[in-house]
């Protein structure tokens, strides 16, 4: 997430609709993000910590891929870019920032 503000401002200056991987980009003015739900990732990691503390070897635990994703849309940014996201996309979003 280095240079997040710079990336967002460059996309806005050049009127580029950009998709990010974390919600924080959209909260800071980015257009849209779609990525793994970080809170869910931490919650699932706690289960691994529990298993390790109970004696399981970390090397024996399976690798887990994210299972929960979130879609966040910033309507203010969309309007500034002259875009109107489809209603169906807005309905699917986990969060719409106005």
N, C-alpha and C. Protein backbone atom coordinates (compact mmCIF):
# COMPACT_ATOMS: atom_id res chain seq x y z
N UNK A 1 0.81 -1.17 0.00
CA UNK A 1 0.00 0.00 0.00
C UNK A 1 0.87 1.26 0.00
N UNK A 2 2.09 1.08 -0.42
CA UNK A 2 2.98 2.22 -0.54
C UNK A 2 2.47 3.16 -1.62
N UNK A 3 2.59 4.44 -1.38
CA UNK A 3 2.22 5.48 -2.35
C UNK A 3 0.74 5.44 -2.72
N UNK A 4 -0.10 4.98 -1.80
CA UNK A 4 -1.53 4.87 -2.06
C UNK A 4 -2.13 6.21 -2.51
N UNK A 5 -1.85 7.26 -1.77
CA UNK A 5 -2.42 8.57 -2.09
C UNK A 5 -1.95 9.06 -3.46
N UNK A 6 -0.69 8.81 -3.77
CA UNK A 6 -0.14 9.21 -5.08
C UNK A 6 -0.84 8.46 -6.21
N UNK A 7 -1.02 7.17 -6.03
CA UNK A 7 -1.67 6.34 -7.05
C UNK A 7 -3.10 6.82 -7.29
N UNK A 8 -3.83 7.07 -6.21
CA UNK A 8 -5.22 7.52 -6.33
C UNK A 8 -5.27 8.88 -7.01
N UNK A 9 -4.39 9.80 -6.61
CA UNK A 9 -4.42 11.14 -7.21
C UNK A 9 -4.02 11.13 -8.68
N UNK A 10 -3.08 10.28 -9.06
CA UNK A 10 -2.69 10.18 -10.48
C UNK A 10 -3.83 9.61 -11.32
N UNK A 11 -4.52 8.61 -10.78
CA UNK A 11 -5.67 8.05 -11.51
C UNK A 11 -6.75 9.11 -11.69
N UNK A 12 -6.99 9.92 -10.66
CA UNK A 12 -8.01 10.97 -10.74
C UNK A 12 -7.58 12.06 -11.72
N UNK A 13 -6.33 12.47 -11.64
CA UNK A 13 -5.84 13.54 -12.52
C UNK A 13 -5.96 13.16 -13.99
N UNK A 14 -5.67 11.90 -14.29
CA UNK A 14 -5.72 11.43 -15.68
C UNK A 14 -7.07 10.81 -16.04
N UNK A 15 -8.03 10.94 -15.10
CA UNK A 15 -9.39 10.45 -15.31
C UNK A 15 -9.42 8.97 -15.71
N UNK A 16 -8.64 8.18 -14.98
CA UNK A 16 -8.57 6.74 -15.23
C UNK A 16 -9.42 5.98 -14.21
N UNK A 17 -10.39 5.22 -14.66
CA UNK A 17 -11.14 4.39 -13.72
C UNK A 17 -10.25 3.22 -13.28
N UNK A 18 -9.93 3.19 -12.01
CA UNK A 18 -9.00 2.17 -11.51
C UNK A 18 -9.69 1.25 -10.51
N UNK A 19 -9.30 -0.01 -10.53
CA UNK A 19 -9.80 -1.00 -9.60
C UNK A 19 -8.66 -1.38 -8.67
N UNK A 20 -8.94 -1.35 -7.37
CA UNK A 20 -7.92 -1.63 -6.36
C UNK A 20 -8.23 -2.94 -5.65
N UNK A 21 -7.28 -3.39 -4.85
CA UNK A 21 -7.43 -4.68 -4.19
C UNK A 21 -7.84 -4.58 -2.73
N UNK A 22 -7.89 -3.35 -2.18
CA UNK A 22 -8.25 -3.17 -0.78
C UNK A 22 -9.25 -2.02 -0.63
N UNK A 23 -10.14 -2.15 0.33
CA UNK A 23 -11.16 -1.16 0.60
C UNK A 23 -10.58 0.21 0.91
N UNK A 24 -9.45 0.27 1.58
CA UNK A 24 -8.86 1.54 2.00
C UNK A 24 -8.59 2.47 0.81
N UNK A 25 -8.29 1.92 -0.35
CA UNK A 25 -8.07 2.75 -1.55
C UNK A 25 -9.36 3.49 -1.92
N UNK A 26 -10.48 2.81 -1.83
CA UNK A 26 -11.76 3.42 -2.18
C UNK A 26 -12.17 4.43 -1.11
N UNK A 27 -11.93 4.14 0.13
CA UNK A 27 -12.22 5.08 1.21
C UNK A 27 -11.42 6.36 1.05
N UNK A 28 -10.24 6.27 0.46
CA UNK A 28 -9.38 7.43 0.24
C UNK A 28 -9.63 8.11 -1.10
N UNK A 29 -10.65 7.66 -1.86
CA UNK A 29 -11.01 8.35 -3.10
C UNK A 29 -10.89 7.53 -4.36
N UNK A 30 -10.49 6.27 -4.27
CA UNK A 30 -10.43 5.41 -5.45
C UNK A 30 -11.83 5.04 -5.91
N UNK A 31 -11.93 4.50 -7.09
CA UNK A 31 -13.24 4.19 -7.68
C UNK A 31 -13.86 2.91 -7.12
N UNK A 32 -13.14 1.80 -7.22
CA UNK A 32 -13.73 0.51 -6.87
C UNK A 32 -12.63 -0.43 -6.36
N UNK A 33 -13.01 -1.29 -5.43
CA UNK A 33 -12.07 -2.31 -4.98
C UNK A 33 -12.78 -3.66 -4.93
N UNK A 34 -12.02 -4.69 -5.22
CA UNK A 34 -12.52 -6.04 -5.11
C UNK A 34 -11.36 -6.89 -4.62
N UNK A 35 -11.49 -7.44 -3.43
CA UNK A 35 -10.40 -8.23 -2.89
C UNK A 35 -10.85 -9.01 -1.67
N UNK A 36 -9.92 -9.77 -1.14
CA UNK A 36 -10.20 -10.61 0.02
C UNK A 36 -10.60 -9.75 1.20
N UNK A 37 -11.56 -10.23 1.97
CA UNK A 37 -12.00 -9.56 3.19
C UNK A 37 -10.91 -9.78 4.25
N UNK A 38 -10.22 -8.70 4.62
CA UNK A 38 -9.08 -8.80 5.53
C UNK A 38 -9.52 -9.25 6.92
N UNK A 39 -10.67 -8.78 7.39
CA UNK A 39 -11.16 -9.19 8.70
C UNK A 39 -11.38 -10.70 8.75
N UNK A 40 -11.94 -11.24 7.69
CA UNK A 40 -12.15 -12.69 7.62
C UNK A 40 -10.81 -13.43 7.60
N UNK A 41 -9.82 -12.87 6.91
CA UNK A 41 -8.49 -13.48 6.86
C UNK A 41 -7.89 -13.58 8.27
N UNK A 42 -7.99 -12.50 9.04
CA UNK A 42 -7.46 -12.51 10.41
C UNK A 42 -8.20 -13.51 11.28
N UNK A 43 -9.51 -13.57 11.11
CA UNK A 43 -10.33 -14.51 11.90
C UNK A 43 -9.90 -15.95 11.61
N UNK A 44 -9.67 -16.24 10.34
CA UNK A 44 -9.27 -17.60 9.96
C UNK A 44 -7.84 -17.90 10.42
N UNK A 45 -6.99 -16.89 10.45
CA UNK A 45 -5.61 -17.07 10.91
C UNK A 45 -5.59 -17.47 12.39
N UNK A 46 -6.55 -16.96 13.15
CA UNK A 46 -6.62 -17.30 14.57
C UNK A 46 -6.80 -18.80 14.76
N UNK A 47 -7.54 -19.43 13.86
CA UNK A 47 -7.71 -20.89 13.93
C UNK A 47 -6.40 -21.62 13.73
N UNK A 48 -5.56 -21.09 12.86
CA UNK A 48 -4.25 -21.69 12.64
C UNK A 48 -3.36 -21.52 13.87
N UNK A 49 -3.41 -20.35 14.47
CA UNK A 49 -2.62 -20.11 15.68
C UNK A 49 -3.05 -21.10 16.76
N UNK A 50 -4.33 -21.30 16.90
CA UNK A 50 -4.85 -22.25 17.88
C UNK A 50 -4.31 -23.66 17.62
N UNK A 51 -4.33 -24.06 16.38
CA UNK A 51 -3.84 -25.42 16.04
C UNK A 51 -2.35 -25.56 16.32
N UNK A 52 -1.59 -24.52 16.03
CA UNK A 52 -0.15 -24.56 16.27
C UNK A 52 0.14 -24.60 17.77
N UNK A 53 -0.59 -23.80 18.53
CA UNK A 53 -0.39 -23.79 19.99
C UNK A 53 -0.78 -25.12 20.62
N UNK A 54 -1.64 -25.88 19.95
CA UNK A 54 -2.03 -27.20 20.44
C UNK A 54 -1.08 -28.29 19.97
N UNK A 55 -0.01 -27.90 19.25
CA UNK A 55 1.02 -28.86 18.90
C UNK A 55 1.16 -29.24 17.44
N UNK A 56 0.27 -28.82 16.57
CA UNK A 56 0.42 -29.16 15.16
C UNK A 56 1.60 -28.41 14.57
N UNK A 57 2.27 -29.04 13.64
CA UNK A 57 3.41 -28.41 12.97
C UNK A 57 2.88 -27.49 11.86
N UNK A 58 3.38 -26.26 11.80
CA UNK A 58 2.94 -25.34 10.75
C UNK A 58 3.10 -25.92 9.35
N UNK A 59 4.16 -26.68 9.11
CA UNK A 59 4.40 -27.25 7.79
C UNK A 59 3.35 -28.29 7.41
N UNK A 60 2.65 -28.84 8.40
CA UNK A 60 1.63 -29.84 8.12
C UNK A 60 0.25 -29.24 7.86
N UNK A 61 0.10 -27.94 8.08
CA UNK A 61 -1.20 -27.29 7.87
C UNK A 61 -1.36 -26.92 6.39
N UNK A 62 -2.55 -27.11 5.86
CA UNK A 62 -2.77 -26.78 4.44
C UNK A 62 -2.78 -25.27 4.21
N UNK A 63 -2.39 -24.88 3.03
CA UNK A 63 -2.47 -23.48 2.64
C UNK A 63 -3.93 -23.16 2.36
N UNK A 64 -4.39 -22.04 2.87
CA UNK A 64 -5.79 -21.66 2.66
C UNK A 64 -5.86 -20.43 1.76
N UNK A 65 -6.74 -20.48 0.79
CA UNK A 65 -7.02 -19.33 -0.06
C UNK A 65 -8.18 -18.56 0.56
N UNK A 66 -8.28 -17.27 0.27
CA UNK A 66 -9.42 -16.51 0.78
C UNK A 66 -10.75 -17.12 0.31
N UNK A 67 -11.74 -17.05 1.17
CA UNK A 67 -13.06 -17.57 0.81
C UNK A 67 -14.12 -16.48 0.80
N UNK A 68 -13.78 -15.32 1.35
CA UNK A 68 -14.74 -14.22 1.40
C UNK A 68 -14.10 -12.98 0.77
N UNK A 69 -14.81 -12.41 -0.18
CA UNK A 69 -14.32 -11.24 -0.90
C UNK A 69 -15.30 -10.09 -0.71
N UNK A 70 -14.80 -8.86 -0.87
CA UNK A 70 -15.69 -7.71 -0.74
C UNK A 70 -15.53 -6.76 -1.92
N UNK A 71 -16.66 -6.19 -2.32
CA UNK A 71 -16.72 -5.23 -3.41
C UNK A 71 -17.16 -3.89 -2.82
N UNK A 72 -16.34 -2.85 -3.05
CA UNK A 72 -16.63 -1.52 -2.52
C UNK A 72 -16.58 -0.53 -3.68
N UNK A 73 -17.57 0.36 -3.76
CA UNK A 73 -17.67 1.34 -4.85
C UNK A 73 -17.80 2.73 -4.26
N UNK A 74 -17.07 3.69 -4.82
CA UNK A 74 -17.14 5.08 -4.40
C UNK A 74 -17.93 5.86 -5.45
N UNK A 75 -19.17 6.24 -5.13
CA UNK A 75 -20.04 6.93 -6.08
C UNK A 75 -19.57 8.36 -6.38
N UNK A 76 -18.96 9.00 -5.40
CA UNK A 76 -18.45 10.36 -5.62
C UNK A 76 -17.35 10.35 -6.69
N UNK A 77 -16.48 9.37 -6.61
CA UNK A 77 -15.41 9.24 -7.61
C UNK A 77 -15.98 8.87 -8.96
N UNK A 78 -16.97 7.98 -8.97
CA UNK A 78 -17.61 7.59 -10.24
C UNK A 78 -18.22 8.81 -10.91
N UNK A 79 -18.89 9.65 -10.15
CA UNK A 79 -19.51 10.85 -10.70
C UNK A 79 -18.44 11.80 -11.25
N UNK A 80 -17.32 11.96 -10.53
CA UNK A 80 -16.23 12.82 -10.99
C UNK A 80 -15.64 12.33 -12.30
N UNK A 81 -15.69 11.02 -12.53
CA UNK A 81 -15.17 10.43 -13.77
C UNK A 81 -16.24 10.37 -14.86
N UNK A 82 -17.45 10.80 -14.54
CA UNK A 82 -18.53 10.75 -15.51
C UNK A 82 -19.09 9.36 -15.71
N UNK A 83 -19.01 8.53 -14.69
CA UNK A 83 -19.48 7.14 -14.78
C UNK A 83 -20.71 6.94 -13.91
N UNK A 84 -21.59 6.07 -14.35
CA UNK A 84 -22.75 5.67 -13.56
C UNK A 84 -22.72 4.15 -13.47
N UNK A 85 -22.26 3.61 -12.33
CA UNK A 85 -22.23 2.15 -12.19
C UNK A 85 -23.63 1.55 -12.35
N UNK A 86 -23.74 0.41 -13.01
CA UNK A 86 -25.05 -0.23 -13.17
C UNK A 86 -25.68 -0.55 -11.81
N UNK A 87 -26.99 -0.46 -11.75
CA UNK A 87 -27.71 -0.75 -10.50
C UNK A 87 -27.41 -2.15 -9.98
N UNK A 88 -27.28 -3.09 -10.89
CA UNK A 88 -27.00 -4.47 -10.48
C UNK A 88 -25.65 -4.56 -9.76
N UNK A 89 -24.65 -3.82 -10.26
CA UNK A 89 -23.34 -3.81 -9.62
C UNK A 89 -23.44 -3.17 -8.24
N UNK A 90 -24.18 -2.07 -8.13
CA UNK A 90 -24.37 -1.42 -6.84
C UNK A 90 -25.07 -2.33 -5.85
N UNK A 91 -26.02 -3.12 -6.34
CA UNK A 91 -26.75 -4.06 -5.48
C UNK A 91 -25.84 -5.19 -4.98
N UNK A 92 -24.86 -5.56 -5.79
CA UNK A 92 -23.94 -6.63 -5.41
C UNK A 92 -22.85 -6.16 -4.45
N UNK A 93 -22.62 -4.85 -4.40
CA UNK A 93 -21.52 -4.31 -3.59
C UNK A 93 -21.77 -4.54 -2.10
N UNK A 94 -20.69 -4.82 -1.39
CA UNK A 94 -20.76 -4.95 0.06
C UNK A 94 -20.90 -3.58 0.70
N UNK A 95 -20.33 -2.56 0.03
CA UNK A 95 -20.41 -1.20 0.54
C UNK A 95 -20.38 -0.22 -0.62
N UNK A 96 -21.22 0.81 -0.52
CA UNK A 96 -21.24 1.88 -1.50
C UNK A 96 -20.97 3.17 -0.74
N UNK A 97 -19.87 3.83 -1.07
CA UNK A 97 -19.49 5.09 -0.44
C UNK A 97 -20.06 6.23 -1.27
N UNK A 98 -20.82 7.12 -0.61
CA UNK A 98 -21.47 8.20 -1.35
C UNK A 98 -20.80 9.53 -1.13
